[in-house]
Protein backbone atom coordinates (compact mmCIF):
# COMPACT_ATOMS: atom_id res chain seq x y z
CA MET A 1 0.08 -0.32 0.02
CA SER A 2 2.00 3.41 -1.14
CA GLN A 3 1.86 5.70 1.67
CA LEU A 4 -0.48 8.83 1.31
CA PRO A 5 -0.12 12.60 2.11
CA ALA A 6 -1.49 14.28 4.78
CA CYS A 7 -4.41 16.21 4.42
CA PRO A 8 -3.14 19.80 4.12
CA LYS A 9 -5.99 21.79 6.07
CA CYS A 10 -5.78 19.53 9.92
CA GLU A 11 -3.10 17.14 8.66
CA SER A 12 -5.19 14.24 8.58
CA PRO A 13 -3.36 10.64 8.33
CA TYR A 14 -6.84 9.40 7.05
CA THR A 15 -6.55 10.23 3.27
CA TYR A 16 -7.63 8.57 0.55
CA GLU A 17 -7.85 7.58 -3.90
CA ASP A 18 -10.84 8.70 -5.10
CA GLY A 19 -10.01 8.82 -9.32
CA VAL A 20 -7.39 12.52 -9.95
CA MET A 21 -8.11 13.70 -6.49
CA LEU A 22 -6.81 12.85 -2.83
CA VAL A 23 -9.81 13.06 0.44
CA CYS A 24 -9.82 13.76 3.32
CA PRO A 25 -12.18 11.78 5.65
CA GLU A 26 -12.01 13.81 8.04
CA CYS A 27 -12.61 17.81 7.17
CA GLY A 28 -13.60 15.99 3.49
CA HIS A 29 -11.22 18.59 1.95
CA GLU A 30 -10.34 17.33 -1.53
CA TRP A 31 -7.70 18.28 -3.11
CA SER A 32 -4.39 16.78 -6.34
CA LEU A 33 -0.96 16.16 -5.49
CA ASN A 34 0.01 18.09 -8.90
CA GLU A 35 -1.22 21.32 -6.92
CA PRO A 36 1.51 23.60 -5.22
CA ALA A 37 -0.02 22.67 -0.77
CA ASP A 38 0.15 26.68 -0.38
CA ALA A 39 -2.49 26.98 -3.03
CA VAL A 40 -4.89 25.08 -0.69
CA ALA A 41 -6.82 28.24 0.55
CA ASN A 42 -10.74 29.39 0.91
CA VAL A 43 -12.89 30.35 -1.74
CA TYR A 44 -16.04 32.06 -0.23
CA ARG A 45 -19.53 32.41 -2.34
CA ASP A 46 -22.46 34.08 -1.54
CA ALA A 47 -25.44 32.97 -2.86
CA ASN A 48 -25.42 33.78 -6.17
CA GLY A 49 -22.13 32.43 -6.45
CA ASN A 50 -19.59 35.98 -6.42
CA GLU A 51 -16.99 35.44 -4.57
CA LEU A 52 -16.59 37.03 -0.41
CA GLN A 53 -13.61 38.13 0.21
CA ASP A 54 -12.53 39.89 4.09
CA GLY A 55 -14.53 44.08 4.40
CA ASP A 56 -17.10 43.09 1.56
CA THR A 57 -20.98 44.91 2.70
CA VAL A 58 -23.62 42.29 2.00
CA THR A 59 -27.71 41.66 2.29
CA VAL A 60 -29.55 38.94 4.24
CA ILE A 61 -31.49 37.45 1.85
CA LYS A 62 -32.87 35.14 4.38
CA ASP A 63 -35.28 36.37 7.06
CA LEU A 64 -32.76 34.43 10.00
CA LYS A 65 -33.74 33.47 13.87
CA VAL A 66 -31.26 34.57 15.99
CA LYS A 67 -30.35 31.65 18.60
CA GLY A 68 -31.34 31.78 22.13
CA SER A 69 -33.30 35.29 21.50
CA SER A 70 -36.52 36.10 20.53
CA LEU A 71 -34.64 38.62 17.70
CA VAL A 72 -34.43 38.31 14.25
CA VAL A 73 -32.19 39.18 11.03
CA LYS A 74 -34.42 40.82 8.48
CA VAL A 75 -34.46 40.34 5.18
CA GLY A 76 -32.58 42.87 3.20
CA THR A 77 -30.48 43.81 6.44
CA LYS A 78 -27.03 44.71 5.15
CA VAL A 79 -24.07 43.66 6.77
CA LYS A 80 -20.72 45.68 6.55
CA ASN A 81 -16.98 44.92 7.37
CA ILE A 82 -17.59 40.67 7.14
CA ARG A 83 -14.76 38.60 8.65
CA LEU A 84 -14.27 35.44 7.08
CA THR A 85 -13.06 32.11 8.54
CA ASP A 86 -12.60 28.60 8.60
CA GLU A 87 -14.00 28.05 12.52
CA GLY A 88 -16.90 25.73 12.50
CA ASP A 89 -20.07 25.68 10.78
CA HIS A 90 -19.98 29.30 9.55
CA ASP A 91 -17.98 31.76 6.92
CA ILE A 92 -18.32 34.52 8.58
CA ASP A 93 -18.07 37.24 12.07
CA CYS A 94 -19.72 40.08 11.69
CA LYS A 95 -21.57 43.14 13.81
CA ILE A 96 -25.35 43.56 12.92
CA ASP A 97 -26.28 46.77 14.40
CA GLY A 98 -29.31 46.52 16.59
CA ILE A 99 -27.66 42.64 17.45
CA GLY A 100 -24.61 42.80 17.62
CA PRO A 101 -21.72 40.23 17.06
CA MET A 102 -22.59 37.24 14.56
CA LYS A 103 -22.20 34.56 12.56
CA LEU A 104 -23.30 33.88 9.22
CA LYS A 105 -23.57 31.24 7.09
CA THR A 106 -22.20 32.53 3.19
CA GLU A 107 -25.56 30.72 1.26
CA PHE A 108 -27.95 33.03 3.35
CA VAL A 109 -26.14 36.27 1.65
CA LYS A 110 -25.51 38.12 -1.26
CA LYS A 111 -22.74 40.14 -2.00
CA ALA A 112 -23.76 44.16 -1.76
């Protein structure tokens, strides 16, 4: 059995081959042996497929209930100066006026 490299994202040793790609069963990351290791960067896209960057302004496209509270982030709420992150299952750290610090998923926002 050939020795496969560890996952470049989470360092898991349990990678496996799937065709021409290598796959990590722990974090789900897929990569090719031919791509350089430092080219492994997450690309964050909004609900319309536009690429997001740190500092962008986005608009919420769906009413979002705030967990543990009776507050709701309404459709059309503009969120300025977002910060993209890999932590947990949410991709965006931000501060929403009237609500405070929050985490959002990129699938519920569009680039303004």
